[in-house]
């Protein structure tokens, strides 16, 4: 059974930093594209960042480019989202996603709240 477990969310002041983690189990981690999405209250879920299974380029939404860094650790089956210079607009539930072909998995989400 596949599990994606996010952690690291919380309350932070604007300008602060948080690092989210997503630990994957039950899948061949190296074969999956890994992504972060987020959903703010009353809004659609939106793409934040992605790392393809083969590595190489990491992709970011324009709204987080230059502030967020997405990395993966194959030895730990874990991905990380380092979030710096946080803004109130970054407040959302952050979801980890793993995908390969038509198969995809989601974590349960972790709340990030940025106070102004």
N, C-alpha and C. Protein backbone atom coordinates (compact mmCIF):
# COMPACT_ATOMS: atom_id res chain seq x y z
N UNK A 1 0.85 -1.18 0.00
CA UNK A 1 0.00 0.00 0.00
C UNK A 1 0.89 1.24 0.00
N UNK A 2 0.50 2.21 -0.84
CA UNK A 2 1.29 3.43 -0.97
C UNK A 2 0.88 4.44 0.08
N UNK A 3 1.88 5.06 0.68
CA UNK A 3 1.63 6.14 1.63
C UNK A 3 2.55 7.30 1.31
N UNK A 4 1.97 8.48 1.32
CA UNK A 4 2.74 9.73 1.25
C UNK A 4 2.38 10.50 2.51
N UNK A 5 3.36 10.76 3.34
CA UNK A 5 3.10 11.41 4.62
C UNK A 5 3.86 12.73 4.68
N UNK A 6 3.10 13.81 4.69
CA UNK A 6 3.70 15.15 4.77
C UNK A 6 3.88 15.55 6.24
N UNK A 7 4.86 16.39 6.46
CA UNK A 7 5.08 16.96 7.78
C UNK A 7 5.81 18.29 7.61
N UNK A 8 5.85 19.05 8.69
CA UNK A 8 6.61 20.29 8.69
C UNK A 8 5.79 21.56 8.57
N UNK A 9 4.49 21.42 8.40
CA UNK A 9 3.65 22.61 8.33
C UNK A 9 3.54 23.29 9.67
N UNK A 10 2.94 24.47 9.66
CA UNK A 10 2.77 25.20 10.91
C UNK A 10 2.45 26.65 10.66
N UNK A 11 2.56 27.42 11.72
CA UNK A 11 2.30 28.86 11.68
C UNK A 11 3.64 29.60 11.68
N UNK A 12 3.78 30.54 10.78
CA UNK A 12 5.03 31.31 10.68
C UNK A 12 4.69 32.75 10.34
N UNK A 13 5.53 33.66 10.76
CA UNK A 13 5.35 35.07 10.41
C UNK A 13 5.78 35.31 8.96
N UNK A 14 5.19 36.32 8.35
CA UNK A 14 5.59 36.70 7.00
C UNK A 14 7.10 36.98 6.98
N UNK A 15 7.74 36.48 5.94
CA UNK A 15 9.19 36.61 5.83
C UNK A 15 9.94 35.43 6.40
N UNK A 16 9.24 34.58 7.11
CA UNK A 16 9.87 33.42 7.73
C UNK A 16 10.02 32.25 6.77
N UNK A 17 10.48 31.14 7.34
CA UNK A 17 10.77 29.95 6.54
C UNK A 17 10.17 28.71 7.18
N UNK A 18 9.87 27.75 6.34
CA UNK A 18 9.44 26.42 6.78
C UNK A 18 10.00 25.41 5.78
N UNK A 19 10.21 24.20 6.27
CA UNK A 19 10.58 23.11 5.37
C UNK A 19 9.56 21.99 5.53
N UNK A 20 8.92 21.66 4.43
CA UNK A 20 7.98 20.54 4.40
C UNK A 20 8.70 19.29 3.95
N UNK A 21 8.28 18.16 4.51
CA UNK A 21 8.81 16.86 4.10
C UNK A 21 7.66 15.98 3.66
N UNK A 22 7.97 15.08 2.75
CA UNK A 22 7.00 14.08 2.32
C UNK A 22 7.73 12.74 2.22
N UNK A 23 7.38 11.83 3.10
CA UNK A 23 7.99 10.52 3.12
C UNK A 23 7.10 9.54 2.36
N UNK A 24 7.69 8.86 1.39
CA UNK A 24 6.94 7.92 0.55
C UNK A 24 7.27 6.49 0.92
N UNK A 25 6.25 5.64 0.89
CA UNK A 25 6.46 4.21 1.11
C UNK A 25 5.50 3.44 0.23
N UNK A 26 5.88 2.18 -0.06
CA UNK A 26 5.01 1.32 -0.85
C UNK A 26 5.11 1.53 -2.35
N UNK A 27 6.08 2.31 -2.80
CA UNK A 27 6.26 2.52 -4.22
C UNK A 27 7.74 2.59 -4.54
N UNK A 28 8.04 2.42 -5.82
CA UNK A 28 9.43 2.54 -6.27
C UNK A 28 9.70 4.03 -6.47
N UNK A 29 10.20 4.62 -5.45
CA UNK A 29 10.32 6.08 -5.35
C UNK A 29 11.00 6.69 -6.56
N UNK A 30 12.06 6.04 -7.02
CA UNK A 30 12.86 6.62 -8.10
C UNK A 30 12.12 6.63 -9.43
N UNK A 31 11.00 5.93 -9.54
CA UNK A 31 10.27 5.85 -10.80
C UNK A 31 9.18 6.91 -10.92
N UNK A 32 8.93 7.64 -9.86
CA UNK A 32 7.79 8.55 -9.81
C UNK A 32 8.22 10.01 -9.94
N UNK A 33 7.44 10.74 -10.72
CA UNK A 33 7.52 12.19 -10.67
C UNK A 33 6.94 12.62 -9.33
N UNK A 34 7.60 13.56 -8.69
CA UNK A 34 7.13 14.04 -7.38
C UNK A 34 6.79 15.52 -7.48
N UNK A 35 5.70 15.89 -6.86
CA UNK A 35 5.22 17.27 -6.94
C UNK A 35 4.70 17.73 -5.59
N UNK A 36 4.62 19.04 -5.46
CA UNK A 36 3.86 19.67 -4.38
C UNK A 36 2.75 20.50 -5.02
N UNK A 37 1.58 20.41 -4.42
CA UNK A 37 0.46 21.25 -4.77
C UNK A 37 0.00 21.94 -3.49
N UNK A 38 -0.83 22.96 -3.63
CA UNK A 38 -1.40 23.60 -2.46
C UNK A 38 -2.82 24.05 -2.76
N UNK A 39 -3.59 24.15 -1.71
CA UNK A 39 -4.97 24.61 -1.85
C UNK A 39 -5.29 25.56 -0.72
N UNK A 40 -5.58 26.79 -1.09
CA UNK A 40 -5.98 27.81 -0.13
C UNK A 40 -7.49 27.76 0.04
N UNK A 41 -8.00 28.27 1.15
CA UNK A 41 -9.45 28.26 1.39
C UNK A 41 -10.20 28.93 0.25
N UNK A 42 -11.20 28.24 -0.28
CA UNK A 42 -12.03 28.81 -1.32
C UNK A 42 -11.41 28.84 -2.70
N UNK A 43 -10.23 28.23 -2.84
CA UNK A 43 -9.54 28.25 -4.13
C UNK A 43 -9.29 26.84 -4.64
N UNK A 44 -8.99 26.75 -5.93
CA UNK A 44 -8.65 25.47 -6.53
C UNK A 44 -7.25 25.03 -6.08
N UNK A 45 -7.05 23.74 -6.09
CA UNK A 45 -5.70 23.23 -5.82
C UNK A 45 -4.79 23.66 -6.95
N UNK A 46 -3.58 24.12 -6.61
CA UNK A 46 -2.67 24.62 -7.63
C UNK A 46 -1.30 23.99 -7.50
N UNK A 47 -0.65 23.93 -8.63
CA UNK A 47 0.71 23.39 -8.72
C UNK A 47 1.69 24.32 -8.02
N UNK A 48 2.65 23.71 -7.31
CA UNK A 48 3.70 24.49 -6.66
C UNK A 48 5.07 24.17 -7.26
N UNK A 49 5.42 22.88 -7.30
CA UNK A 49 6.75 22.50 -7.77
C UNK A 49 6.76 21.03 -8.16
N UNK A 50 7.72 20.66 -9.02
CA UNK A 50 7.82 19.28 -9.48
C UNK A 50 9.26 18.89 -9.74
N UNK A 51 9.55 17.64 -9.45
CA UNK A 51 10.84 17.04 -9.82
C UNK A 51 10.52 15.77 -10.61
N UNK A 52 10.95 15.68 -11.86
CA UNK A 52 10.70 14.47 -12.65
C UNK A 52 11.45 13.28 -12.07
N UNK A 53 10.95 12.07 -12.36
CA UNK A 53 11.56 10.86 -11.81
C UNK A 53 13.01 10.74 -12.23
N UNK A 54 13.34 11.22 -13.43
CA UNK A 54 14.70 11.09 -13.93
C UNK A 54 15.63 12.17 -13.40
N UNK A 55 15.12 13.04 -12.56
CA UNK A 55 15.95 14.13 -12.05
C UNK A 55 16.05 15.24 -13.08
N UNK A 56 17.13 15.97 -13.03
CA UNK A 56 17.28 17.06 -13.97
C UNK A 56 16.60 18.31 -13.45
N UNK A 57 15.91 19.01 -14.34
CA UNK A 57 15.30 20.28 -13.96
C UNK A 57 14.20 20.11 -12.92
N UNK A 58 14.11 21.09 -12.07
CA UNK A 58 13.00 21.20 -11.13
C UNK A 58 12.13 22.36 -11.60
N UNK A 59 10.82 22.18 -11.51
CA UNK A 59 9.88 23.17 -12.04
C UNK A 59 9.12 23.83 -10.90
N UNK A 60 8.90 25.12 -11.04
CA UNK A 60 8.21 25.88 -10.00
C UNK A 60 7.11 26.74 -10.60
N UNK A 61 6.07 26.94 -9.82
CA UNK A 61 5.09 27.95 -10.17
C UNK A 61 5.74 29.32 -10.08
N UNK A 62 5.31 30.23 -10.93
CA UNK A 62 5.90 31.57 -10.92
C UNK A 62 5.77 32.24 -9.55
N UNK A 63 4.70 31.93 -8.85
CA UNK A 63 4.44 32.58 -7.57
C UNK A 63 5.43 32.20 -6.48
N UNK A 64 6.15 31.09 -6.67
CA UNK A 64 7.09 30.65 -5.63
C UNK A 64 8.53 30.61 -6.12
N UNK A 65 8.73 30.86 -7.40
CA UNK A 65 10.07 30.79 -7.98
C UNK A 65 11.00 31.76 -7.27
N UNK A 66 12.18 31.27 -6.92
CA UNK A 66 13.15 32.10 -6.22
C UNK A 66 13.00 32.08 -4.71
N UNK A 67 11.88 31.56 -4.21
CA UNK A 67 11.65 31.52 -2.76
C UNK A 67 11.60 30.08 -2.24
N UNK A 68 11.10 29.17 -3.07
CA UNK A 68 10.94 27.77 -2.66
C UNK A 68 11.99 26.92 -3.38
N UNK A 69 12.45 25.88 -2.67
CA UNK A 69 13.38 24.93 -3.26
C UNK A 69 12.88 23.51 -3.00
N UNK A 70 12.75 22.75 -4.08
CA UNK A 70 12.24 21.40 -4.01
C UNK A 70 13.40 20.43 -4.22
N UNK A 71 13.52 19.45 -3.34
CA UNK A 71 14.60 18.47 -3.48
C UNK A 71 14.08 17.09 -3.12
N UNK A 72 14.80 16.08 -3.60
CA UNK A 72 14.42 14.70 -3.27
C UNK A 72 15.65 13.95 -2.80
N UNK A 73 15.42 13.05 -1.83
CA UNK A 73 16.48 12.21 -1.28
C UNK A 73 16.08 10.77 -1.52
N UNK A 74 16.69 10.17 -2.54
CA UNK A 74 16.33 8.80 -2.91
C UNK A 74 16.65 7.79 -1.82
N UNK A 75 17.67 8.04 -1.06
CA UNK A 75 18.06 7.11 0.00
C UNK A 75 17.01 7.06 1.11
N UNK A 76 16.29 8.15 1.28
CA UNK A 76 15.28 8.22 2.34
C UNK A 76 13.85 8.17 1.81
N UNK A 77 13.70 8.05 0.47
CA UNK A 77 12.37 8.07 -0.14
C UNK A 77 11.58 9.29 0.33
N UNK A 78 12.23 10.41 0.36
CA UNK A 78 11.63 11.61 0.91
C UNK A 78 11.90 12.80 -0.01
N UNK A 79 10.91 13.67 -0.14
CA UNK A 79 11.11 14.94 -0.82
C UNK A 79 10.90 16.06 0.18
N UNK A 80 11.52 17.19 -0.14
CA UNK A 80 11.49 18.34 0.77
C UNK A 80 11.10 19.58 -0.02
N UNK A 81 10.39 20.46 0.64
CA UNK A 81 10.08 21.76 0.06
C UNK A 81 10.55 22.82 1.06
N UNK A 82 11.68 23.43 0.74
CA UNK A 82 12.20 24.52 1.56
C UNK A 82 11.51 25.79 1.12
N UNK A 83 10.82 26.46 2.04
CA UNK A 83 10.04 27.65 1.71
C UNK A 83 10.61 28.83 2.48
N UNK A 84 11.12 29.81 1.75
CA UNK A 84 11.69 31.01 2.35
C UNK A 84 10.87 32.23 1.97
N UNK A 85 11.09 33.31 2.69
CA UNK A 85 10.40 34.58 2.40
C UNK A 85 8.90 34.36 2.25
N UNK A 86 8.34 33.65 3.18
CA UNK A 86 6.92 33.29 3.09
C UNK A 86 6.03 34.53 3.18
N UNK A 87 4.93 34.45 2.43
CA UNK A 87 3.96 35.54 2.36
C UNK A 87 2.59 35.03 2.82
N UNK A 88 1.73 35.93 3.27
CA UNK A 88 0.38 35.48 3.65
C UNK A 88 -0.32 34.72 2.52
N UNK A 89 -0.03 35.08 1.28
CA UNK A 89 -0.64 34.38 0.14
C UNK A 89 -0.18 32.93 0.01
N UNK A 90 0.85 32.57 0.73
CA UNK A 90 1.31 31.18 0.71
C UNK A 90 0.51 30.29 1.66
N UNK A 91 -0.37 30.90 2.43
CA UNK A 91 -1.22 30.14 3.36
C UNK A 91 -2.09 29.16 2.58
N UNK A 92 -1.98 27.88 2.93
CA UNK A 92 -2.71 26.83 2.21
C UNK A 92 -2.42 25.49 2.87
N UNK A 93 -3.19 24.49 2.45
CA UNK A 93 -2.82 23.11 2.75
C UNK A 93 -1.93 22.64 1.62
N UNK A 94 -0.77 22.12 1.97
CA UNK A 94 0.21 21.67 0.99
C UNK A 94 0.14 20.14 0.87
N UNK A 95 0.05 19.69 -0.38
CA UNK A 95 -0.10 18.27 -0.65
C UNK A 95 1.08 17.74 -1.45
N UNK A 96 1.52 16.59 -1.07
CA UNK A 96 2.55 15.87 -1.80
C UNK A 96 1.88 14.96 -2.82
N UNK A 97 2.48 14.83 -3.99
CA UNK A 97 1.92 14.03 -5.08
C UNK A 97 3.03 13.19 -5.70
N UNK A 98 2.68 11.94 -6.00
CA UNK A 98 3.59 11.05 -6.72
C UNK A 98 2.84 10.51 -7.93
N UNK A 99 3.45 10.58 -9.11
CA UNK A 99 2.76 10.15 -10.30
C UNK A 99 3.66 9.42 -11.27
N UNK A 100 3.07 8.42 -11.95
CA UNK A 100 3.74 7.70 -13.02
C UNK A 100 2.65 7.24 -13.98
N UNK A 101 2.80 7.61 -15.26
CA UNK A 101 1.77 7.33 -16.27
C UNK A 101 0.42 7.80 -15.75
N UNK A 102 -0.58 6.92 -15.69
CA UNK A 102 -1.92 7.31 -15.25
C UNK A 102 -2.16 7.03 -13.77
N UNK A 103 -1.12 6.63 -13.08
CA UNK A 103 -1.24 6.31 -11.64
C UNK A 103 -0.71 7.47 -10.83
N UNK A 104 -1.50 7.88 -9.84
CA UNK A 104 -1.01 8.96 -8.99
C UNK A 104 -1.51 8.77 -7.56
N UNK A 105 -0.75 9.32 -6.66
CA UNK A 105 -1.05 9.22 -5.23
C UNK A 105 -0.90 10.60 -4.60
N UNK A 106 -1.71 10.83 -3.57
CA UNK A 106 -1.69 12.10 -2.84
C UNK A 106 -1.47 11.84 -1.36
N UNK A 107 -0.78 12.76 -0.72
CA UNK A 107 -0.69 12.73 0.72
C UNK A 107 -1.93 13.38 1.33
N UNK A 108 -1.96 13.39 2.65
CA UNK A 108 -3.14 13.92 3.35
C UNK A 108 -3.10 15.43 3.51
N UNK A 109 -1.94 16.01 3.25
CA UNK A 109 -1.80 17.46 3.33
C UNK A 109 -1.28 17.93 4.68
N UNK A 110 -0.60 19.07 4.64
CA UNK A 110 -0.12 19.71 5.86
C UNK A 110 -0.40 21.20 5.76
N UNK A 111 -0.91 21.77 6.84
CA UNK A 111 -1.34 23.17 6.82
C UNK A 111 -0.15 24.10 7.02
N UNK A 112 -0.06 25.09 6.17
CA UNK A 112 0.90 26.18 6.33
C UNK A 112 0.12 27.47 6.46
N UNK A 113 0.37 28.19 7.54
CA UNK A 113 -0.30 29.46 7.77
C UNK A 113 0.76 30.54 7.96
N UNK A 114 0.67 31.58 7.14
CA UNK A 114 1.64 32.67 7.21
C UNK A 114 0.91 33.90 7.72
N UNK A 115 1.31 34.37 8.88
CA UNK A 115 0.68 35.52 9.50
C UNK A 115 1.35 36.81 9.03
N UNK A 116 0.53 37.82 8.79
CA UNK A 116 1.07 39.11 8.32
C UNK A 116 1.51 39.98 9.49
